[in-house]
């Protein structure tokens, strides 16, 4: 049994999915998860597909230092947005996994993304060599 970041209020009506040690940027993934939080599952899937095709953008609200401005951020009341393709791909895989888990566990059609949790992967301690600050 795996541990999840949060326990659902009604576990009999909830399908879960998680990924660990993913090779993806934490800050981009946090913004993607915040953008799809609260959306219905089908709408979240189409939104992430549109982001991969640059039809819609992900608004960057917290980690937005150095983010360029785009007109695609206007629907969110922002000016800064990006199209993090790799993060969208990983979150899409998690959503599809949760959808297949829901088909096994649940019988209802109304599926919504309630909570997306993300955590940084552990950092590897790099040894620093003396000559010209090269890393091993």
Protein backbone atom coordinates (compact mmCIF):
# COMPACT_ATOMS: atom_id res chain seq x y z
CA UNK A 1 0.00 0.00 0.00
CA UNK A 2 1.34 3.41 -0.93
CA UNK A 3 0.99 6.62 1.03
CA UNK A 4 -0.81 9.59 -0.46
CA UNK A 5 -0.38 13.25 0.45
CA UNK A 6 -3.97 13.53 1.70
CA UNK A 7 -6.61 11.06 2.73
CA UNK A 8 -9.97 11.56 0.98
CA UNK A 9 -13.10 12.23 2.99
CA UNK A 10 -15.03 9.45 1.26
CA UNK A 11 -12.59 6.81 0.10
CA UNK A 12 -15.28 4.61 -1.43
CA UNK A 13 -16.08 7.32 -4.00
CA UNK A 14 -12.50 8.36 -4.72
CA UNK A 15 -9.94 7.09 -7.20
CA UNK A 16 -6.31 7.95 -6.49
CA UNK A 17 -3.11 8.13 -8.48
CA UNK A 18 0.43 9.18 -7.65
CA UNK A 19 3.90 9.37 -9.12
CA UNK A 20 7.19 9.54 -7.29
CA UNK A 21 10.72 10.60 -8.22
CA UNK A 22 9.50 11.98 -11.55
CA UNK A 23 12.11 13.55 -13.81
CA UNK A 24 10.20 16.79 -14.17
CA UNK A 25 10.56 20.34 -12.83
CA UNK A 26 8.80 20.81 -9.51
CA UNK A 27 7.83 24.44 -10.05
CA UNK A 28 6.30 23.87 -13.48
CA UNK A 29 4.42 20.83 -12.19
CA UNK A 30 3.07 22.83 -9.26
CA UNK A 31 1.64 25.44 -11.63
CA UNK A 32 0.10 22.77 -13.89
CA UNK A 33 -1.50 21.07 -10.87
CA UNK A 34 -2.87 24.38 -9.61
CA UNK A 35 -4.31 25.16 -13.04
CA UNK A 36 -6.29 21.91 -13.31
CA UNK A 37 -7.37 21.71 -9.68
CA UNK A 38 -11.15 21.77 -9.48
CA UNK A 39 -11.75 20.95 -13.15
CA UNK A 40 -13.77 17.97 -14.34
CA UNK A 41 -11.57 15.13 -15.54
CA UNK A 42 -12.49 15.38 -19.22
CA UNK A 43 -12.01 19.15 -19.20
CA UNK A 44 -8.63 18.79 -17.49
CA UNK A 45 -7.50 16.24 -20.09
CA UNK A 46 -8.50 18.47 -23.02
CA UNK A 47 -6.94 21.52 -21.33
CA UNK A 48 -3.58 19.78 -20.93
CA UNK A 49 -3.70 18.54 -24.52
CA UNK A 50 -4.34 22.13 -25.65
CA UNK A 51 -1.39 23.33 -23.58
CA UNK A 52 0.88 20.81 -25.28
CA UNK A 53 -0.30 22.16 -28.66
CA UNK A 54 0.11 25.82 -27.50
CA UNK A 55 -3.61 26.53 -27.90
CA UNK A 56 -3.96 27.45 -24.20
CA UNK A 57 -1.40 28.39 -21.57
CA UNK A 58 -0.75 27.57 -17.93
CA UNK A 59 -0.83 30.72 -15.74
CA UNK A 60 2.22 31.03 -13.50
CA UNK A 61 1.05 32.52 -10.21
CA UNK A 62 3.67 31.66 -7.59
CA UNK A 63 6.89 30.70 -9.35
CA UNK A 64 6.77 33.46 -11.94
CA UNK A 65 10.17 35.11 -11.79
CA UNK A 66 11.45 35.69 -15.32
CA UNK A 67 8.29 34.38 -16.97
CA UNK A 68 7.41 36.14 -20.20
CA UNK A 69 4.05 37.70 -20.90
CA UNK A 70 1.49 36.30 -23.30
CA UNK A 71 -2.06 37.13 -24.33
CA UNK A 72 -3.15 33.56 -23.54
CA UNK A 73 -2.99 34.45 -19.83
CA UNK A 74 -5.88 36.95 -20.12
CA UNK A 75 -8.69 34.46 -19.28
CA UNK A 76 -7.02 33.92 -15.89
CA UNK A 77 -6.61 37.64 -15.16
CA UNK A 78 -2.85 37.38 -15.50
CA UNK A 79 -0.15 38.35 -17.94
CA UNK A 80 2.42 35.63 -17.27
CA UNK A 81 1.93 32.14 -18.62
CA UNK A 82 3.89 29.30 -20.19
CA UNK A 83 3.43 25.97 -21.93
CA UNK A 84 5.30 23.37 -19.81
CA UNK A 85 5.03 20.38 -22.13
CA UNK A 86 6.93 17.85 -20.03
CA UNK A 87 5.02 18.65 -16.85
CA UNK A 88 1.74 18.45 -18.77
CA UNK A 89 2.73 15.04 -20.13
CA UNK A 90 3.49 13.67 -16.64
CA UNK A 91 0.28 15.10 -15.16
CA UNK A 92 -1.70 13.72 -18.13
CA UNK A 93 -0.30 10.27 -17.39
CA UNK A 94 -1.33 10.61 -13.74
CA UNK A 95 -4.84 11.72 -14.71
CA UNK A 96 -5.24 8.84 -17.16
CA UNK A 97 -4.07 6.46 -14.44
CA UNK A 98 -6.61 7.92 -12.02
CA UNK A 99 -9.29 7.59 -14.70
CA UNK A 100 -8.54 3.91 -15.21
CA UNK A 101 -8.52 3.42 -11.43
CA UNK A 102 -11.92 5.12 -11.29
CA UNK A 103 -13.29 2.76 -13.93
CA UNK A 104 -12.33 -0.16 -11.73
CA UNK A 105 -13.39 1.30 -8.38
CA UNK A 106 -16.26 3.65 -9.22
CA UNK A 107 -19.33 3.45 -11.40
CA UNK A 108 -20.24 7.15 -11.54
CA UNK A 109 -19.50 9.46 -14.45
CA UNK A 110 -18.89 12.72 -12.59
CA UNK A 111 -15.17 12.73 -11.98
CA UNK A 112 -13.36 15.88 -10.89
CA UNK A 113 -9.79 16.68 -9.99
CA UNK A 114 -9.98 17.56 -6.32
CA UNK A 115 -6.39 17.79 -5.20
CA UNK A 116 -3.06 17.59 -6.91
CA UNK A 117 -0.09 17.30 -4.61
CA UNK A 118 3.48 17.67 -5.68
CA UNK A 119 6.69 17.27 -3.78
CA UNK A 120 10.30 17.82 -4.64
CA UNK A 121 12.45 14.79 -5.26
CA UNK A 122 15.40 14.34 -2.88
CA UNK A 123 18.56 16.11 -3.89
CA UNK A 124 21.69 14.10 -4.52
CA UNK A 125 24.73 15.32 -2.64
CA UNK A 126 27.38 16.11 -5.21
CA UNK A 127 31.03 15.88 -4.29
CA UNK A 128 32.97 18.98 -5.26
CA UNK A 129 36.45 18.53 -6.62
CA UNK A 130 39.20 20.99 -5.81
CA UNK A 131 40.30 21.81 -9.34
CA UNK A 132 38.14 24.48 -10.96
CA UNK A 133 35.08 23.53 -8.93
CA UNK A 134 34.26 20.52 -11.09
CA UNK A 135 31.59 18.17 -9.84
CA UNK A 136 32.03 14.42 -9.70
